[in-house]
Structure formats: structure tokens, C-alpha cells
Amino acid sequence: MELMTPSGGTIFWTAVTFVLLLLILRKIAWNPILQMLEDRERKIDDSLTTADKIKSMSEIMIAEQGQIILEARKIAKETVDKATQVAEKARADILQKAEKDAEALVEKAKKDIEASKEQAKYEVQKLVVELSMNATEQIIGKSLDKADHERLIKESLTKLGEVN
């Protein structure tokens, strides 16, 4: 039971030993531990500050990327619209050229038909004159000289012109 009731000397030496141990630990271990905790706290604060800066920068970059995407879409739409307009203009030009070509072909065909008609008229008149000459020659029994022949041709042409 002596251990349960310590003597005054034991209490004194225990207190002195505790105080000495406390001073030694404070000198050797306490300051480095406090310094290490302060360094750790500073690193954590720096990390949080850096994380906030990175977050702010990333939000700014996301906003800028959104603007870039909107501008790219706008440019793409303008490009598509411009290409559509160019295609429509080209289509209209091609149609207009095709219509002009068709009109030119129709006009050429009309001219060719008119020329063929005139040629056919001339040949019919020539044939009529020849037949008339042959019939006259057979009826009269003599051939006409060149002057009579030309006169008959002119008269026949005049009469045929009046008929048409």
C-alpha cells in the first residue's frame, strides 16, 4: 500500500522529472511539431487558393469556348447560306441560258423552215414554168426563144405570187 500513498519526496522528484521532461520535449520536439503543422496549414491554404484560381480560370475558359462555338456556328450558317445563294444563282443562270438557247433554236428552226418554204416555192414555180413550156411547145409545136421564155417565167411567177 505504500505505492498507493506516495511520499513527499516521490511527488517532488516526479514533479521535477515531469517539468524537466516537458522542457526537454518543448525544446526538442514541440517547436518542430508546431513548425511542421504551420507549414502543412500554409500548404493547404496555398492549395485551396490555387484550386480557386484554377476553378475561376476554367470557368472563364468554358465561357470563352462557348462564345467560340457560337461564333463557329454562326460562321458555318453564313457559309451554308452563302453557298445556297451561289447555288441558286448558278441554277437561275443555267435556266436562263437554257431558255435563251431554246429560243435561239426555235428562231433558227423558224428561219430554216421559212428558207425551205421559199426554196420549195421557187422550185415549184420553176417546175410549173418548165411544165408550161413543155405543154406550150407541144401545143404550139415550136420552141420559144430565150426572151419569150424569160417573159413567160416572170408572168408565171407574178401569177403564183398573187395566188399565195
N, C-alpha and C. Protein backbone atom coordinates (compact mmCIF):
# COMPACT_ATOMS: atom_id res chain seq x y z
N MET A 1 0.76 -1.14 0.00
CA MET A 1 0.00 0.00 0.00
C MET A 1 0.84 1.25 0.00
N GLU A 2 1.95 1.07 0.15
CA GLU A 2 2.87 2.17 0.13
C GLU A 2 2.89 2.84 -1.23
N LEU A 3 2.61 2.09 -2.20
CA LEU A 3 2.62 2.64 -3.55
C LEU A 3 1.39 3.50 -3.79
N MET A 4 0.41 3.23 -3.07
CA MET A 4 -0.80 3.98 -3.26
C MET A 4 -0.74 5.31 -2.53
N THR A 5 0.04 5.42 -1.60
CA THR A 5 0.19 6.67 -0.88
C THR A 5 1.64 7.12 -1.06
N PRO A 6 1.88 7.92 -2.01
CA PRO A 6 3.28 8.33 -2.26
C PRO A 6 3.77 9.29 -1.18
N SER A 7 5.06 9.26 -1.03
CA SER A 7 5.69 10.14 -0.06
C SER A 7 5.95 11.49 -0.70
N GLY A 8 6.30 12.46 0.10
CA GLY A 8 6.53 13.83 -0.38
C GLY A 8 7.71 13.88 -1.32
N GLY A 9 8.76 13.10 -1.08
CA GLY A 9 9.95 13.12 -1.95
C GLY A 9 9.65 12.54 -3.31
N THR A 10 8.85 11.56 -3.36
CA THR A 10 8.50 10.94 -4.64
C THR A 10 7.67 11.93 -5.46
N ILE A 11 6.79 12.62 -4.80
CA ILE A 11 5.97 13.60 -5.51
C ILE A 11 6.87 14.71 -6.04
N PHE A 12 7.82 15.16 -5.20
CA PHE A 12 8.71 16.22 -5.63
C PHE A 12 9.52 15.79 -6.83
N TRP A 13 10.16 14.62 -6.73
CA TRP A 13 11.01 14.16 -7.82
C TRP A 13 10.17 13.84 -9.06
N THR A 14 9.00 13.42 -8.93
CA THR A 14 8.13 13.14 -10.09
C THR A 14 7.77 14.46 -10.76
N ALA A 15 7.48 15.47 -9.93
CA ALA A 15 7.14 16.77 -10.49
C ALA A 15 8.36 17.37 -11.18
N VAL A 16 9.56 17.27 -10.55
CA VAL A 16 10.78 17.81 -11.16
C VAL A 16 11.06 17.06 -12.46
N THR A 17 10.95 15.78 -12.49
CA THR A 17 11.19 14.98 -13.68
C THR A 17 10.19 15.35 -14.78
N PHE A 18 8.94 15.57 -14.38
CA PHE A 18 7.90 15.94 -15.37
C PHE A 18 8.21 17.29 -15.99
N VAL A 19 8.61 18.23 -15.14
CA VAL A 19 8.91 19.57 -15.64
C VAL A 19 10.13 19.51 -16.54
N LEU A 20 11.19 18.81 -16.14
CA LEU A 20 12.39 18.66 -16.96
C LEU A 20 12.05 17.99 -18.28
N LEU A 21 11.28 16.94 -18.23
CA LEU A 21 10.88 16.24 -19.46
C LEU A 21 10.06 17.16 -20.35
N LEU A 22 9.19 17.95 -19.75
CA LEU A 22 8.38 18.90 -20.51
C LEU A 22 9.27 19.94 -21.17
N LEU A 23 10.26 20.47 -20.47
CA LEU A 23 11.18 21.46 -21.04
C LEU A 23 12.01 20.85 -22.17
N ILE A 24 12.49 19.65 -21.95
CA ILE A 24 13.30 18.99 -22.99
C ILE A 24 12.44 18.71 -24.23
N LEU A 25 11.24 18.19 -24.02
CA LEU A 25 10.35 17.90 -25.16
C LEU A 25 9.96 19.19 -25.89
N ARG A 26 9.73 20.25 -25.10
CA ARG A 26 9.38 21.53 -25.72
C ARG A 26 10.54 22.02 -26.57
N LYS A 27 11.75 21.89 -26.06
CA LYS A 27 12.93 22.36 -26.76
C LYS A 27 13.20 21.49 -27.98
N ILE A 28 13.11 20.21 -27.86
CA ILE A 28 13.47 19.30 -28.94
C ILE A 28 12.30 19.01 -29.88
N ALA A 29 11.14 18.64 -29.39
CA ALA A 29 10.05 18.13 -30.23
C ALA A 29 8.92 19.12 -30.47
N TRP A 30 8.56 19.92 -29.48
CA TRP A 30 7.37 20.78 -29.59
C TRP A 30 7.50 21.81 -30.71
N ASN A 31 8.59 22.56 -30.76
CA ASN A 31 8.77 23.58 -31.80
C ASN A 31 8.79 22.98 -33.22
N PRO A 32 9.53 21.87 -33.46
CA PRO A 32 9.47 21.29 -34.80
C PRO A 32 8.08 20.77 -35.18
N ILE A 33 7.35 20.24 -34.19
CA ILE A 33 6.00 19.75 -34.49
C ILE A 33 5.10 20.93 -34.84
N LEU A 34 5.19 22.03 -34.07
CA LEU A 34 4.40 23.22 -34.37
C LEU A 34 4.78 23.81 -35.74
N GLN A 35 6.09 23.83 -36.01
CA GLN A 35 6.56 24.34 -37.31
C GLN A 35 6.02 23.48 -38.44
N MET A 36 6.04 22.18 -38.26
CA MET A 36 5.53 21.26 -39.28
C MET A 36 4.03 21.46 -39.48
N LEU A 37 3.27 21.67 -38.42
CA LEU A 37 1.83 21.91 -38.53
C LEU A 37 1.55 23.25 -39.23
N GLU A 38 2.34 24.28 -38.93
CA GLU A 38 2.17 25.58 -39.60
C GLU A 38 2.48 25.46 -41.10
N ASP A 39 3.56 24.73 -41.43
CA ASP A 39 3.90 24.51 -42.84
C ASP A 39 2.78 23.76 -43.57
N ARG A 40 2.27 22.78 -42.92
CA ARG A 40 1.17 21.99 -43.50
C ARG A 40 -0.06 22.89 -43.72
N GLU A 41 -0.39 23.73 -42.73
CA GLU A 41 -1.53 24.62 -42.85
C GLU A 41 -1.32 25.61 -44.01
N ARG A 42 -0.09 26.14 -44.13
CA ARG A 42 0.23 27.07 -45.21
C ARG A 42 0.09 26.39 -46.58
N LYS A 43 0.58 25.13 -46.68
CA LYS A 43 0.46 24.40 -47.95
C LYS A 43 -1.01 24.15 -48.31
N ILE A 44 -1.81 23.82 -47.33
CA ILE A 44 -3.24 23.59 -47.57
C ILE A 44 -3.90 24.88 -48.04
N ASP A 45 -3.58 26.00 -47.39
CA ASP A 45 -4.13 27.29 -47.80
C ASP A 45 -3.71 27.64 -49.24
N ASP A 46 -2.41 27.41 -49.53
CA ASP A 46 -1.92 27.68 -50.89
C ASP A 46 -2.63 26.79 -51.91
N SER A 47 -2.83 25.55 -51.56
CA SER A 47 -3.52 24.62 -52.46
C SER A 47 -4.96 25.05 -52.70
N LEU A 48 -5.64 25.47 -51.65
CA LEU A 48 -7.02 25.94 -51.79
C LEU A 48 -7.07 27.21 -52.65
N THR A 49 -6.14 28.12 -52.45
CA THR A 49 -6.08 29.34 -53.25
C THR A 49 -5.82 29.00 -54.72
N THR A 50 -4.88 28.10 -54.96
CA THR A 50 -4.57 27.67 -56.33
C THR A 50 -5.78 26.99 -56.95
N ALA A 51 -6.47 26.17 -56.20
CA ALA A 51 -7.66 25.48 -56.71
C ALA A 51 -8.75 26.49 -57.08
N ASP A 52 -8.91 27.52 -56.25
CA ASP A 52 -9.90 28.56 -56.57
C ASP A 52 -9.52 29.30 -57.85
N LYS A 53 -8.22 29.63 -57.99
CA LYS A 53 -7.76 30.30 -59.21
C LYS A 53 -8.00 29.42 -60.44
N ILE A 54 -7.67 28.15 -60.32
CA ILE A 54 -7.86 27.22 -61.44
C ILE A 54 -9.33 27.10 -61.78
N LYS A 55 -10.17 27.04 -60.77
CA LYS A 55 -11.62 26.95 -61.00
C LYS A 55 -12.11 28.20 -61.72
N SER A 56 -11.66 29.37 -61.27
CA SER A 56 -12.07 30.62 -61.93
C SER A 56 -11.59 30.65 -63.38
N MET A 57 -10.35 30.25 -63.58
CA MET A 57 -9.80 30.24 -64.95
C MET A 57 -10.56 29.24 -65.83
N SER A 58 -10.90 28.09 -65.28
CA SER A 58 -11.62 27.09 -66.07
C SER A 58 -13.01 27.59 -66.43
N GLU A 59 -13.67 28.31 -65.50
CA GLU A 59 -14.99 28.87 -65.80
C GLU A 59 -14.89 29.92 -66.90
N ILE A 60 -13.84 30.73 -66.84
CA ILE A 60 -13.62 31.74 -67.89
C ILE A 60 -13.37 31.05 -69.23
N MET A 61 -12.56 30.01 -69.22
CA MET A 61 -12.24 29.29 -70.46
C MET A 61 -13.49 28.61 -71.03
N ILE A 62 -14.31 28.07 -70.15
CA ILE A 62 -15.55 27.42 -70.61
C ILE A 62 -16.45 28.46 -71.27
N ALA A 63 -16.53 29.65 -70.66
CA ALA A 63 -17.35 30.72 -71.24
C ALA A 63 -16.78 31.14 -72.60
N GLU A 64 -15.45 31.26 -72.69
CA GLU A 64 -14.82 31.64 -73.96
C GLU A 64 -15.06 30.56 -75.02
N GLN A 65 -14.94 29.30 -74.62
CA GLN A 65 -15.19 28.22 -75.57
C GLN A 65 -16.63 28.25 -76.06
N GLY A 66 -17.56 28.57 -75.15
CA GLY A 66 -18.96 28.70 -75.56
C GLY A 66 -19.12 29.79 -76.60
N GLN A 67 -18.46 30.92 -76.39
CA GLN A 67 -18.52 32.02 -77.37
C GLN A 67 -17.91 31.59 -78.69
N ILE A 68 -16.78 30.89 -78.64
CA ILE A 68 -16.12 30.42 -79.86
C ILE A 68 -17.03 29.46 -80.61
N ILE A 69 -17.70 28.58 -79.88
CA ILE A 69 -18.61 27.63 -80.53
C ILE A 69 -19.78 28.37 -81.17
N LEU A 70 -20.33 29.38 -80.47
CA LEU A 70 -21.43 30.16 -81.05
C LEU A 70 -20.98 30.89 -82.31
N GLU A 71 -19.79 31.47 -82.28
CA GLU A 71 -19.27 32.16 -83.46
C GLU A 71 -19.03 31.17 -84.60
N ALA A 72 -18.50 30.00 -84.27
CA ALA A 72 -18.26 28.99 -85.30
C ALA A 72 -19.57 28.54 -85.94
N ARG A 73 -20.60 28.38 -85.13
CA ARG A 73 -21.91 28.00 -85.67
C ARG A 73 -22.46 29.11 -86.56
N LYS A 74 -22.27 30.36 -86.12
CA LYS A 74 -22.74 31.50 -86.91
C LYS A 74 -22.01 31.54 -88.26
N ILE A 75 -20.70 31.37 -88.23
CA ILE A 75 -19.91 31.38 -89.46
C ILE A 75 -20.33 30.22 -90.36
N ALA A 76 -20.53 29.05 -89.78
CA ALA A 76 -20.96 27.89 -90.56
C ALA A 76 -22.31 28.15 -91.22
N LYS A 77 -23.24 28.75 -90.47
CA LYS A 77 -24.57 29.06 -91.02
C LYS A 77 -24.44 30.06 -92.16
N GLU A 78 -23.62 31.10 -91.95
CA GLU A 78 -23.42 32.10 -93.01
C GLU A 78 -22.82 31.45 -94.24
N THR A 79 -21.86 30.55 -94.04
CA THR A 79 -21.23 29.86 -95.16
C THR A 79 -22.24 29.02 -95.92
N VAL A 80 -23.06 28.29 -95.19
CA VAL A 80 -24.09 27.46 -95.83
C VAL A 80 -25.09 28.34 -96.58
N ASP A 81 -25.50 29.45 -95.95
CA ASP A 81 -26.43 30.36 -96.62
C ASP A 81 -25.83 30.94 -97.89
N LYS A 82 -24.55 31.34 -97.80
CA LYS A 82 -23.87 31.91 -98.97
C LYS A 82 -23.76 30.86 -100.08
N ALA A 83 -23.41 29.63 -99.71
CA ALA A 83 -23.30 28.56 -100.70
C ALA A 83 -24.66 28.28 -101.34
N THR A 84 -25.72 28.33 -100.54
CA THR A 84 -27.06 28.13 -101.08
C THR A 84 -27.41 29.24 -102.06
N GLN A 85 -27.08 30.47 -101.71
CA GLN A 85 -27.36 31.59 -102.61
C GLN A 85 -26.58 31.45 -103.91
N VAL A 86 -25.31 31.06 -103.82
CA VAL A 86 -24.49 30.87 -105.02
C VAL A 86 -25.08 29.76 -105.89
N ALA A 87 -25.52 28.68 -105.24
CA ALA A 87 -26.11 27.56 -105.99
C ALA A 87 -27.40 27.99 -106.67
N GLU A 88 -28.23 28.75 -105.96
CA GLU A 88 -29.49 29.24 -106.54
C GLU A 88 -29.21 30.17 -107.72
N LYS A 89 -28.21 31.03 -107.58
CA LYS A 89 -27.86 31.95 -108.66
C LYS A 89 -27.35 31.16 -109.87
N ALA A 90 -26.50 30.17 -109.60
CA ALA A 90 -25.99 29.34 -110.69
C ALA A 90 -27.14 28.60 -111.37
N ARG A 91 -28.07 28.11 -110.58
CA ARG A 91 -29.23 27.40 -111.13
C ARG A 91 -30.04 28.35 -112.02
N ALA A 92 -30.28 29.57 -111.51
CA ALA A 92 -31.05 30.55 -112.28
C ALA A 92 -30.32 30.92 -113.57
N ASP A 93 -28.99 31.08 -113.48
CA ASP A 93 -28.21 31.41 -114.68
C ASP A 93 -28.28 30.28 -115.70
N ILE A 94 -28.18 29.05 -115.21
CA ILE A 94 -28.25 27.90 -116.13
C ILE A 94 -29.62 27.83 -116.80
N LEU A 95 -30.68 28.04 -116.02
CA LEU A 95 -32.03 28.03 -116.59
C LEU A 95 -32.21 29.15 -117.61
N GLN A 96 -31.70 30.33 -117.28
CA GLN A 96 -31.82 31.46 -118.20
C GLN A 96 -31.05 31.18 -119.50
N LYS A 97 -29.87 30.61 -119.38
CA LYS A 97 -29.07 30.28 -120.57
C LYS A 97 -29.78 29.21 -121.40
N ALA A 98 -30.36 28.22 -120.71
CA ALA A 98 -31.08 27.16 -121.43
C ALA A 98 -32.28 27.74 -122.16
N GLU A 99 -32.99 28.68 -121.54
CA GLU A 99 -34.14 29.31 -122.20
C GLU A 99 -33.69 30.11 -123.42
N LYS A 100 -32.58 30.84 -123.27
CA LYS A 100 -32.05 31.61 -124.41
C LYS A 100 -31.65 30.68 -125.54
N ASP A 101 -30.96 29.57 -125.18
CA ASP A 101 -30.55 28.60 -126.20
C ASP A 101 -31.77 28.01 -126.90
N ALA A 102 -32.82 27.70 -126.12
CA ALA A 102 -34.03 27.13 -126.70
C ALA A 102 -34.69 28.15 -127.64
N GLU A 103 -34.75 29.42 -127.21
CA GLU A 103 -35.33 30.44 -128.07
C GLU A 103 -34.53 30.60 -129.35
N ALA A 104 -33.20 30.54 -129.22
CA ALA A 104 -32.34 30.65 -130.40
C ALA A 104 -32.59 29.48 -131.35
N LEU A 105 -32.74 28.29 -130.77
CA LEU A 105 -33.01 27.11 -131.62
C LEU A 105 -34.36 27.25 -132.32
N VAL A 106 -35.36 27.75 -131.60
CA VAL A 106 -36.68 27.93 -132.20
C VAL A 106 -36.60 28.94 -133.34
N GLU A 107 -35.89 30.06 -133.10
CA GLU A 107 -35.75 31.08 -134.13
C GLU A 107 -35.01 30.51 -135.34
N LYS A 108 -33.96 29.75 -135.09
CA LYS A 108 -33.20 29.15 -136.20
C LYS A 108 -34.08 28.18 -136.97
N ALA A 109 -34.87 27.39 -136.22
CA ALA A 109 -35.76 26.44 -136.89
C ALA A 109 -36.80 27.19 -137.73
N LYS A 110 -37.33 28.31 -137.21
CA LYS A 110 -38.30 29.10 -137.98
C LYS A 110 -37.65 29.64 -139.26
N LYS A 111 -36.43 30.14 -139.12
CA LYS A 111 -35.72 30.67 -140.29
C LYS A 111 -35.46 29.56 -141.30
N ASP A 112 -35.05 28.39 -140.80
CA ASP A 112 -34.79 27.26 -141.70
C ASP A 112 -36.07 26.84 -142.41
N ILE A 113 -37.17 26.82 -141.65
CA ILE A 113 -38.47 26.45 -142.24
C ILE A 113 -38.86 27.46 -143.30
N GLU A 114 -38.69 28.75 -142.99
CA GLU A 114 -39.02 29.81 -143.95
C GLU A 114 -38.15 29.70 -145.19
N ALA A 115 -36.85 29.44 -144.99
CA ALA A 115 -35.94 29.29 -146.13
C ALA A 115 -36.33 28.08 -146.96
N SER A 116 -36.67 26.98 -146.29
CA SER A 116 -37.09 25.77 -147.02
C SER A 116 -38.38 26.03 -147.78
N LYS A 117 -39.28 26.78 -147.16
CA LYS A 117 -40.55 27.12 -147.79
C LYS A 117 -40.31 27.95 -149.06
N GLU A 118 -39.43 28.95 -148.92
CA GLU A 118 -39.11 29.79 -150.08
C GLU A 118 -38.43 28.97 -151.17
N GLN A 119 -37.56 28.08 -150.75
CA GLN A 119 -36.87 27.21 -151.73
C GLN A 119 -37.88 26.32 -152.44
N ALA A 120 -38.81 25.75 -151.65
CA ALA A 120 -39.81 24.88 -152.24
C ALA A 120 -40.70 25.68 -153.20
N LYS A 121 -41.06 26.92 -152.84
CA LYS A 121 -41.86 27.78 -153.71
C LYS A 121 -41.14 28.01 -155.03
N TYR A 122 -39.85 28.34 -154.87
CA TYR A 122 -39.05 28.62 -156.07
C TYR A 122 -38.99 27.39 -156.97
N GLU A 123 -38.79 26.23 -156.38
CA GLU A 123 -38.69 25.01 -157.19
C GLU A 123 -40.03 24.67 -157.84
N VAL A 124 -41.13 24.87 -157.09
CA VAL A 124 -42.46 24.62 -157.67
C VAL A 124 -42.69 25.58 -158.84
N GLN A 125 -42.34 26.84 -158.66
CA GLN A 125 -42.52 27.81 -159.74
C GLN A 125 -41.68 27.42 -160.95
N LYS A 126 -40.47 27.00 -160.68
CA LYS A 126 -39.58 26.59 -161.77
C LYS A 126 -40.17 25.39 -162.49
N LEU A 127 -40.71 24.43 -161.73
CA LEU A 127 -41.30 23.24 -162.33
C LEU A 127 -42.55 23.60 -163.13
N VAL A 128 -43.35 24.52 -162.58
CA VAL A 128 -44.55 24.95 -163.29
C VAL A 128 -44.17 25.61 -164.61
N VAL A 129 -43.15 26.42 -164.56
CA VAL A 129 -42.70 27.09 -165.78
C VAL A 129 -42.21 26.07 -166.78
N GLU A 130 -41.44 25.10 -166.34
CA GLU A 130 -40.93 24.08 -167.26
C GLU A 130 -42.08 23.27 -167.87
N LEU A 131 -43.05 22.89 -166.99
CA LEU A 131 -44.19 22.14 -167.50
C LEU A 131 -45.00 22.98 -168.48
N SER A 132 -45.15 24.26 -168.13
CA SER A 132 -45.88 25.17 -169.03
C SER A 132 -45.15 25.29 -170.36
N MET A 133 -43.85 25.37 -170.29
CA MET A 133 -43.05 25.49 -171.51
C MET A 133 -43.18 24.24 -172.36
N ASN A 134 -43.12 23.11 -171.72
CA ASN A 134 -43.24 21.85 -172.46
C ASN A 134 -44.63 21.72 -173.07
N ALA A 135 -45.66 22.08 -172.23
CA ALA A 135 -47.03 21.99 -172.74
C ALA A 135 -47.23 22.96 -173.89
N THR A 136 -46.73 24.16 -173.78
CA THR A 136 -46.87 25.18 -174.83
C THR A 136 -46.15 24.73 -176.08
N GLU A 137 -44.98 24.17 -175.86
CA GLU A 137 -44.20 23.72 -177.01
C GLU A 137 -44.92 22.60 -177.74
N GLN A 138 -45.53 21.72 -176.99
CA GLN A 138 -46.25 20.62 -177.63
C GLN A 138 -47.51 21.13 -178.31
N ILE A 139 -48.20 22.11 -177.68
CA ILE A 139 -49.42 22.64 -178.25
C ILE A 139 -49.09 23.48 -179.47
N ILE A 140 -48.18 24.37 -179.34
CA ILE A 140 -47.84 25.29 -180.43
C ILE A 140 -47.00 24.57 -181.46
N GLY A 141 -46.16 23.70 -181.03
CA GLY A 141 -45.33 22.97 -181.96
C GLY A 141 -44.02 23.67 -182.22
N LYS A 142 -43.72 24.66 -181.56
CA LYS A 142 -42.42 25.30 -181.75
C LYS A 142 -41.85 25.64 -180.39
N SER A 143 -40.57 25.81 -180.31
CA SER A 143 -39.96 26.17 -179.03
C SER A 143 -39.79 27.67 -178.98
N LEU A 144 -39.79 28.17 -177.78
CA LEU A 144 -39.71 29.61 -177.58
C LEU A 144 -38.25 30.04 -177.51
N ASP A 145 -38.03 31.26 -177.93
CA ASP A 145 -36.66 31.75 -177.79
C ASP A 145 -36.44 32.19 -176.33
N LYS A 146 -35.26 32.63 -176.08
CA LYS A 146 -34.88 32.95 -174.71
C LYS A 146 -35.69 34.12 -174.17
N ALA A 147 -35.94 35.15 -174.89
CA ALA A 147 -36.69 36.32 -174.44
C ALA A 147 -38.12 35.93 -174.10
N ASP A 148 -38.76 35.11 -174.95
CA ASP A 148 -40.12 34.67 -174.67
C ASP A 148 -40.15 33.80 -173.41
N HIS A 149 -39.17 33.00 -173.34
CA HIS A 149 -39.07 32.09 -172.21
C HIS A 149 -38.98 32.90 -170.90
N GLU A 150 -38.14 33.92 -170.81
CA GLU A 150 -37.98 34.75 -169.62
C GLU A 150 -39.28 35.50 -169.32
N ARG A 151 -39.93 36.00 -170.38
CA ARG A 151 -41.18 36.72 -170.19
C ARG A 151 -42.23 35.80 -169.59
N LEU A 152 -42.35 34.60 -170.06
CA LEU A 152 -43.32 33.65 -169.54
C LEU A 152 -43.01 33.29 -168.07
N ILE A 153 -41.74 33.15 -167.77
CA ILE A 153 -41.34 32.81 -166.39
C ILE A 153 -41.76 33.93 -165.46
N LYS A 154 -41.48 35.18 -165.83
CA LYS A 154 -41.83 36.32 -164.99
C LYS A 154 -43.33 36.42 -164.80
N GLU A 155 -44.08 36.20 -165.86
CA GLU A 155 -45.53 36.27 -165.74
C GLU A 155 -46.04 35.18 -164.82
N SER A 156 -45.49 33.98 -164.97
CA SER A 156 -45.92 32.85 -164.14
C SER A 156 -45.58 33.12 -162.66
N LEU A 157 -44.40 33.65 -162.45
CA LEU A 157 -44.02 33.95 -161.06
C LEU A 157 -44.92 35.00 -160.45
N THR A 158 -45.29 35.99 -161.24
CA THR A 158 -46.17 37.05 -160.76
C THR A 158 -47.53 36.47 -160.41
N LYS A 159 -48.06 35.59 -161.27
CA LYS A 159 -49.35 34.98 -161.02
C LYS A 159 -49.30 34.07 -159.80
N LEU A 160 -48.22 33.31 -159.66
CA LEU A 160 -48.09 32.45 -158.48
C LEU A 160 -47.96 33.25 -157.20
N GLY A 161 -47.26 34.39 -157.27
CA GLY A 161 -47.13 35.27 -156.11
C GLY A 161 -48.47 35.81 -155.69
N GLU A 162 -49.37 36.09 -156.65
CA GLU A 162 -50.70 36.60 -156.33
C GLU A 162 -51.56 35.52 -155.70
N VAL A 163 -51.35 34.28 -156.12
CA VAL A 163 -52.13 33.16 -155.60
C VAL A 163 -51.77 32.91 -154.12
N ASN A 164 -50.51 33.01 -153.79
CA ASN A 164 -50.05 32.76 -152.41
C ASN A 164 -50.45 33.91 -151.55
